[in-house]
Structure formats: structure tokens, C-alpha cells
């Protein structure tokens, strides 16, 4: 039973990682690419690591996989936010067909630009 759950999680995780990689190549600007990388690849990597927990059980390898899941879930969105903010502050424009720029709306009133 654990092997079936582990294999299912592994396949779903790999699928999310592949979709995230395709998004990195196909999407038009850095902000959309960060969206694909953060959402898809973070979830895919977490599911792959969770499949390791089901395959090996709750031992040293499983605990390390759980710690890696926690680390990925905490650092990937934070890193993507920092990259997006730095790109916006350095003047990298959004894609021409983008509808709105919420960060610009929020930062127009601030004086530390």
C-alpha cells in the first residue's frame, strides 16, 4: 500500500516539475516564469520528497525528506519574492499584455524607491 501511494506521489510530483520547467521556457517574462517555478516546482519537489517518506518509512531518510520539504516550502516562495522585487526595482518591465502591476500601485506612495 505504501509503495502504491509513494509511486502515485512520485508521478504527480514529477508531472508538476515538468509543467514548471515547461512554464520556465514558454512563459513571456520573468514574473510569469517565477510564478511557474515557485508554484509548480515547489509542489512537485515536495510531493517527490513525500513519496520518499512513503517508500522508506519514518526512519532517518524519511525525517530528512520531511525536513527538506519544510525547507523547500519556506525558501522557494521567499526567494521568488526577492527575485521579483529586485527585478521590478531594477526596471524590468512586465509583459506588454499584462493587465495590472500591483507592486507599482503599492510602491508609488512609498519614499524608499
N, C-alpha and C. Protein backbone atom coordinates (compact mmCIF):
# COMPACT_ATOMS: atom_id res chain seq x y z
N UNK A 1 0.81 -1.20 0.00
CA UNK A 1 0.00 0.00 0.00
C UNK A 1 0.86 1.26 0.00
N UNK A 2 1.90 1.27 0.86
CA UNK A 2 2.78 2.43 0.91
C UNK A 2 3.52 2.63 -0.41
N UNK A 3 3.86 1.53 -1.07
CA UNK A 3 4.55 1.66 -2.36
C UNK A 3 3.63 2.27 -3.41
N UNK A 4 2.35 1.92 -3.38
CA UNK A 4 1.39 2.49 -4.33
C UNK A 4 1.21 3.98 -4.09
N UNK A 5 1.07 4.37 -2.83
CA UNK A 5 0.94 5.79 -2.51
C UNK A 5 2.22 6.53 -2.88
N UNK A 6 3.37 5.93 -2.58
CA UNK A 6 4.64 6.55 -2.92
C UNK A 6 4.81 6.72 -4.42
N UNK A 7 4.42 5.71 -5.19
CA UNK A 7 4.55 5.80 -6.64
C UNK A 7 3.60 6.86 -7.21
N UNK A 8 2.39 6.93 -6.66
CA UNK A 8 1.43 7.95 -7.12
C UNK A 8 1.96 9.35 -6.83
N UNK A 9 2.47 9.56 -5.62
CA UNK A 9 3.03 10.86 -5.27
C UNK A 9 4.24 11.20 -6.14
N UNK A 10 5.04 10.19 -6.45
CA UNK A 10 6.21 10.41 -7.30
C UNK A 10 5.80 10.84 -8.70
N UNK A 11 4.83 10.17 -9.28
CA UNK A 11 4.37 10.51 -10.64
C UNK A 11 3.75 11.91 -10.66
N UNK A 12 2.92 12.22 -9.67
CA UNK A 12 2.30 13.54 -9.62
C UNK A 12 3.36 14.62 -9.40
N UNK A 13 4.33 14.36 -8.55
CA UNK A 13 5.41 15.32 -8.31
C UNK A 13 6.25 15.57 -9.55
N UNK A 14 6.59 14.50 -10.26
CA UNK A 14 7.35 14.66 -11.50
C UNK A 14 6.54 15.43 -12.54
N UNK A 15 5.24 15.17 -12.59
CA UNK A 15 4.39 15.90 -13.53
C UNK A 15 4.38 17.40 -13.21
N UNK A 16 4.26 17.75 -11.94
CA UNK A 16 4.31 19.16 -11.56
C UNK A 16 5.67 19.77 -11.90
N UNK A 17 6.75 19.05 -11.67
CA UNK A 17 8.07 19.57 -12.01
C UNK A 17 8.22 19.80 -13.50
N UNK A 18 7.71 18.88 -14.31
CA UNK A 18 7.80 19.03 -15.76
C UNK A 18 6.98 20.22 -16.22
N UNK A 19 5.77 20.38 -15.67
CA UNK A 19 4.95 21.54 -16.03
C UNK A 19 5.64 22.84 -15.63
N UNK A 20 6.28 22.86 -14.48
CA UNK A 20 7.02 24.04 -14.06
C UNK A 20 8.19 24.34 -14.97
N UNK A 21 8.89 23.32 -15.42
CA UNK A 21 10.01 23.52 -16.34
C UNK A 21 9.52 24.02 -17.70
N UNK A 22 8.40 23.50 -18.16
CA UNK A 22 7.83 23.99 -19.42
C UNK A 22 7.41 25.45 -19.26
N UNK A 23 6.87 25.80 -18.10
CA UNK A 23 6.50 27.18 -17.83
C UNK A 23 7.70 28.11 -17.83
N UNK A 24 8.84 27.63 -17.33
CA UNK A 24 10.06 28.45 -17.35
C UNK A 24 10.50 28.76 -18.78
N UNK A 25 10.26 27.85 -19.68
CA UNK A 25 10.68 28.05 -21.06
C UNK A 25 9.64 28.83 -21.87
N UNK A 26 8.36 28.57 -21.63
CA UNK A 26 7.32 29.08 -22.50
C UNK A 26 6.71 30.43 -22.08
N UNK A 27 6.76 30.76 -20.82
CA UNK A 27 6.10 31.99 -20.39
C UNK A 27 6.89 33.23 -20.78
N UNK A 28 6.22 34.39 -20.95
CA UNK A 28 6.84 35.52 -21.63
C UNK A 28 7.80 36.38 -20.82
N UNK A 29 7.63 36.54 -19.52
CA UNK A 29 8.51 37.42 -18.79
C UNK A 29 8.93 36.80 -17.46
N UNK A 30 9.82 37.49 -16.77
CA UNK A 30 10.41 36.93 -15.55
C UNK A 30 9.35 36.72 -14.47
N UNK A 31 8.37 37.56 -14.41
CA UNK A 31 7.35 37.46 -13.36
C UNK A 31 6.47 36.23 -13.56
N UNK A 32 6.08 35.97 -14.79
CA UNK A 32 5.30 34.76 -15.07
C UNK A 32 6.15 33.50 -14.90
N UNK A 33 7.41 33.59 -15.27
CA UNK A 33 8.30 32.44 -15.11
C UNK A 33 8.53 32.12 -13.64
N UNK A 34 8.64 33.15 -12.82
CA UNK A 34 8.77 32.91 -11.38
C UNK A 34 7.52 32.26 -10.81
N UNK A 35 6.37 32.64 -11.34
CA UNK A 35 5.12 32.01 -10.91
C UNK A 35 5.16 30.51 -11.17
N UNK A 36 5.57 30.13 -12.38
CA UNK A 36 5.64 28.71 -12.73
C UNK A 36 6.67 27.99 -11.88
N UNK A 37 7.81 28.62 -11.71
CA UNK A 37 8.87 27.98 -10.94
C UNK A 37 8.49 27.81 -9.48
N UNK A 38 7.90 28.82 -8.92
CA UNK A 38 7.56 28.76 -7.50
C UNK A 38 6.43 27.80 -7.21
N UNK A 39 5.35 27.93 -7.93
CA UNK A 39 4.18 27.11 -7.63
C UNK A 39 4.39 25.65 -8.02
N UNK A 40 4.69 25.41 -9.28
CA UNK A 40 4.76 24.03 -9.78
C UNK A 40 5.96 23.28 -9.22
N UNK A 41 7.12 23.88 -9.28
CA UNK A 41 8.32 23.16 -8.88
C UNK A 41 8.36 22.95 -7.36
N UNK A 42 7.87 23.90 -6.60
CA UNK A 42 7.82 23.72 -5.15
C UNK A 42 6.89 22.57 -4.78
N UNK A 43 5.70 22.56 -5.35
CA UNK A 43 4.76 21.48 -5.06
C UNK A 43 5.28 20.14 -5.58
N UNK A 44 5.85 20.15 -6.78
CA UNK A 44 6.39 18.91 -7.34
C UNK A 44 7.52 18.34 -6.50
N UNK A 45 8.43 19.18 -6.08
CA UNK A 45 9.55 18.73 -5.26
C UNK A 45 9.07 18.22 -3.90
N UNK A 46 8.09 18.91 -3.32
CA UNK A 46 7.55 18.46 -2.04
C UNK A 46 6.86 17.10 -2.18
N UNK A 47 6.15 16.89 -3.28
CA UNK A 47 5.50 15.60 -3.48
C UNK A 47 6.50 14.49 -3.73
N UNK A 48 7.57 14.78 -4.45
CA UNK A 48 8.61 13.77 -4.66
C UNK A 48 9.26 13.39 -3.34
N UNK A 49 9.55 14.38 -2.52
CA UNK A 49 10.14 14.09 -1.21
C UNK A 49 9.16 13.35 -0.30
N UNK A 50 7.88 13.67 -0.41
CA UNK A 50 6.87 12.95 0.37
C UNK A 50 6.78 11.49 -0.08
N UNK A 51 6.97 11.26 -1.37
CA UNK A 51 6.97 9.88 -1.84
C UNK A 51 8.14 9.09 -1.26
N UNK A 52 9.26 9.77 -1.02
CA UNK A 52 10.40 9.12 -0.37
C UNK A 52 10.03 8.69 1.05
N UNK A 53 9.26 9.53 1.74
CA UNK A 53 8.82 9.19 3.09
C UNK A 53 7.96 7.93 3.06
N UNK A 54 7.06 7.83 2.09
CA UNK A 54 6.21 6.65 1.99
C UNK A 54 7.00 5.41 1.58
N UNK A 55 8.00 5.58 0.73
CA UNK A 55 8.80 4.43 0.30
C UNK A 55 9.67 3.89 1.42
N UNK A 56 10.34 4.80 2.14
CA UNK A 56 11.32 4.35 3.14
C UNK A 56 10.72 4.20 4.53
N UNK A 57 9.62 4.87 4.80
CA UNK A 57 9.05 4.82 6.13
C UNK A 57 9.57 5.97 6.98
N UNK A 58 9.20 5.93 8.23
CA UNK A 58 9.59 7.00 9.15
C UNK A 58 10.90 6.62 9.83
N UNK A 59 11.98 6.73 9.08
CA UNK A 59 13.32 6.48 9.62
C UNK A 59 14.18 7.72 9.36
N UNK A 60 15.49 7.56 9.39
CA UNK A 60 16.38 8.71 9.22
C UNK A 60 16.20 9.36 7.84
N UNK A 61 16.03 8.54 6.82
CA UNK A 61 15.84 9.09 5.47
C UNK A 61 14.50 9.82 5.38
N UNK A 62 13.45 9.25 5.96
CA UNK A 62 12.14 9.88 5.95
C UNK A 62 12.12 11.21 6.69
N UNK A 63 12.81 11.25 7.81
CA UNK A 63 12.88 12.50 8.58
C UNK A 63 13.64 13.57 7.80
N UNK A 64 14.72 13.17 7.15
CA UNK A 64 15.47 14.12 6.32
C UNK A 64 14.63 14.62 5.15
N UNK A 65 13.82 13.75 4.57
CA UNK A 65 12.95 14.16 3.48
C UNK A 65 11.90 15.15 3.99
N UNK A 66 11.35 14.91 5.17
CA UNK A 66 10.38 15.85 5.74
C UNK A 66 11.03 17.21 6.04
N UNK A 67 12.26 17.20 6.52
CA UNK A 67 12.97 18.46 6.75
C UNK A 67 13.24 19.19 5.44
N UNK A 68 13.55 18.45 4.40
CA UNK A 68 13.76 19.06 3.08
C UNK A 68 12.47 19.65 2.54
N UNK A 69 11.34 18.98 2.78
CA UNK A 69 10.04 19.52 2.36
C UNK A 69 9.81 20.85 3.05
N UNK A 70 10.03 20.88 4.35
CA UNK A 70 9.84 22.12 5.10
C UNK A 70 10.75 23.22 4.56
N UNK A 71 12.01 22.88 4.30
CA UNK A 71 12.97 23.86 3.79
C UNK A 71 12.54 24.40 2.43
N UNK A 72 12.12 23.53 1.53
CA UNK A 72 11.69 23.95 0.19
C UNK A 72 10.45 24.83 0.28
N UNK A 73 9.49 24.45 1.12
CA UNK A 73 8.26 25.23 1.24
C UNK A 73 8.50 26.61 1.87
N UNK A 74 9.54 26.75 2.68
CA UNK A 74 9.84 28.03 3.30
C UNK A 74 10.71 28.92 2.41
N UNK A 75 11.65 28.34 1.69
CA UNK A 75 12.63 29.15 0.97
C UNK A 75 12.26 29.47 -0.47
N UNK A 76 11.58 28.59 -1.17
CA UNK A 76 11.28 28.84 -2.58
C UNK A 76 10.37 30.06 -2.78
N UNK A 77 9.26 30.18 -2.07
CA UNK A 77 8.44 31.39 -2.25
C UNK A 77 9.16 32.67 -1.80
N UNK A 78 9.94 32.57 -0.75
CA UNK A 78 10.67 33.75 -0.27
C UNK A 78 11.72 34.19 -1.30
N UNK A 79 12.43 33.22 -1.86
CA UNK A 79 13.41 33.54 -2.89
C UNK A 79 12.77 34.12 -4.15
N UNK A 80 11.65 33.56 -4.55
CA UNK A 80 10.96 34.07 -5.74
C UNK A 80 10.45 35.49 -5.51
N UNK A 81 9.97 35.76 -4.31
CA UNK A 81 9.53 37.12 -3.99
C UNK A 81 10.69 38.10 -4.05
N UNK A 82 11.83 37.70 -3.51
CA UNK A 82 13.01 38.58 -3.53
C UNK A 82 13.48 38.83 -4.97
N UNK A 83 13.46 37.80 -5.79
CA UNK A 83 13.87 37.96 -7.19
C UNK A 83 12.90 38.86 -7.93
N UNK A 84 11.60 38.67 -7.71
CA UNK A 84 10.60 39.50 -8.39
C UNK A 84 10.71 40.96 -7.95
N UNK A 85 10.93 41.17 -6.68
CA UNK A 85 11.06 42.55 -6.18
C UNK A 85 12.32 43.21 -6.74
N UNK A 86 13.40 42.47 -6.79
CA UNK A 86 14.63 43.03 -7.36
C UNK A 86 14.48 43.32 -8.84
N UNK A 87 13.79 42.43 -9.56
CA UNK A 87 13.57 42.67 -10.98
C UNK A 87 12.70 43.91 -11.19
N UNK A 88 11.68 44.07 -10.36
CA UNK A 88 10.80 45.23 -10.50
C UNK A 88 11.53 46.51 -10.16
N UNK A 89 12.32 46.47 -9.12
CA UNK A 89 13.06 47.67 -8.71
C UNK A 89 14.15 48.04 -9.70
N UNK A 90 14.68 47.05 -10.42
CA UNK A 90 15.72 47.36 -11.40
C UNK A 90 15.15 47.78 -12.74
N UNK A 91 13.83 47.81 -12.84
CA UNK A 91 13.20 48.37 -14.03
C UNK A 91 12.82 47.37 -15.10
N UNK A 92 12.84 46.08 -14.80
CA UNK A 92 12.43 45.10 -15.79
C UNK A 92 10.92 45.21 -15.95
N UNK A 93 10.52 45.49 -17.18
CA UNK A 93 9.10 45.72 -17.45
C UNK A 93 8.32 44.43 -17.49
N UNK A 94 7.03 44.56 -17.20
CA UNK A 94 6.13 43.43 -17.34
C UNK A 94 5.87 43.17 -18.82
N UNK A 95 5.33 42.02 -19.10
CA UNK A 95 4.94 41.66 -20.45
C UNK A 95 3.92 42.68 -20.95
N UNK A 96 3.93 42.98 -22.25
CA UNK A 96 3.04 44.01 -22.80
C UNK A 96 1.57 43.70 -22.58
N UNK A 97 1.19 42.44 -22.56
CA UNK A 97 -0.21 42.06 -22.37
C UNK A 97 -0.60 41.88 -20.91
N UNK A 98 0.27 42.27 -19.98
CA UNK A 98 -0.08 42.18 -18.56
C UNK A 98 -1.18 43.18 -18.25
N UNK A 99 -2.10 42.80 -17.40
CA UNK A 99 -3.27 43.62 -17.13
C UNK A 99 -3.00 44.65 -16.04
N UNK A 100 -2.28 44.25 -14.98
CA UNK A 100 -2.05 45.20 -13.88
C UNK A 100 -0.69 44.96 -13.24
N UNK A 101 -0.23 45.98 -12.55
CA UNK A 101 1.03 45.92 -11.82
C UNK A 101 0.74 46.33 -10.39
N UNK A 102 0.40 45.37 -9.55
CA UNK A 102 0.02 45.66 -8.17
C UNK A 102 1.20 46.21 -7.36
N UNK A 103 2.41 45.74 -7.66
CA UNK A 103 3.55 46.22 -6.90
C UNK A 103 3.81 47.70 -7.19
N UNK A 104 3.62 48.12 -8.42
CA UNK A 104 3.78 49.53 -8.77
C UNK A 104 2.74 50.38 -8.04
N UNK A 105 1.51 49.87 -7.99
CA UNK A 105 0.45 50.59 -7.28
C UNK A 105 0.77 50.72 -5.80
N UNK A 106 1.34 49.68 -5.20
CA UNK A 106 1.68 49.71 -3.78
C UNK A 106 2.89 50.59 -3.50
N UNK A 107 3.85 50.64 -4.43
CA UNK A 107 5.10 51.33 -4.13
C UNK A 107 5.09 52.79 -4.60
N UNK A 108 4.05 53.24 -5.28
CA UNK A 108 4.03 54.64 -5.72
C UNK A 108 3.99 55.61 -4.55
N UNK A 109 3.35 55.23 -3.47
CA UNK A 109 3.26 56.11 -2.33
C UNK A 109 4.45 56.07 -1.41
N UNK A 110 5.31 55.06 -1.55
CA UNK A 110 6.46 54.94 -0.65
C UNK A 110 7.59 55.84 -1.11
N UNK A 111 8.41 56.25 -0.17
CA UNK A 111 9.51 57.16 -0.47
C UNK A 111 10.86 56.47 -0.59
N UNK A 112 10.92 55.14 -0.36
CA UNK A 112 12.20 54.46 -0.38
C UNK A 112 12.49 53.80 -1.73
N UNK A 113 11.85 54.24 -2.80
CA UNK A 113 12.12 53.69 -4.12
C UNK A 113 13.43 54.17 -4.57
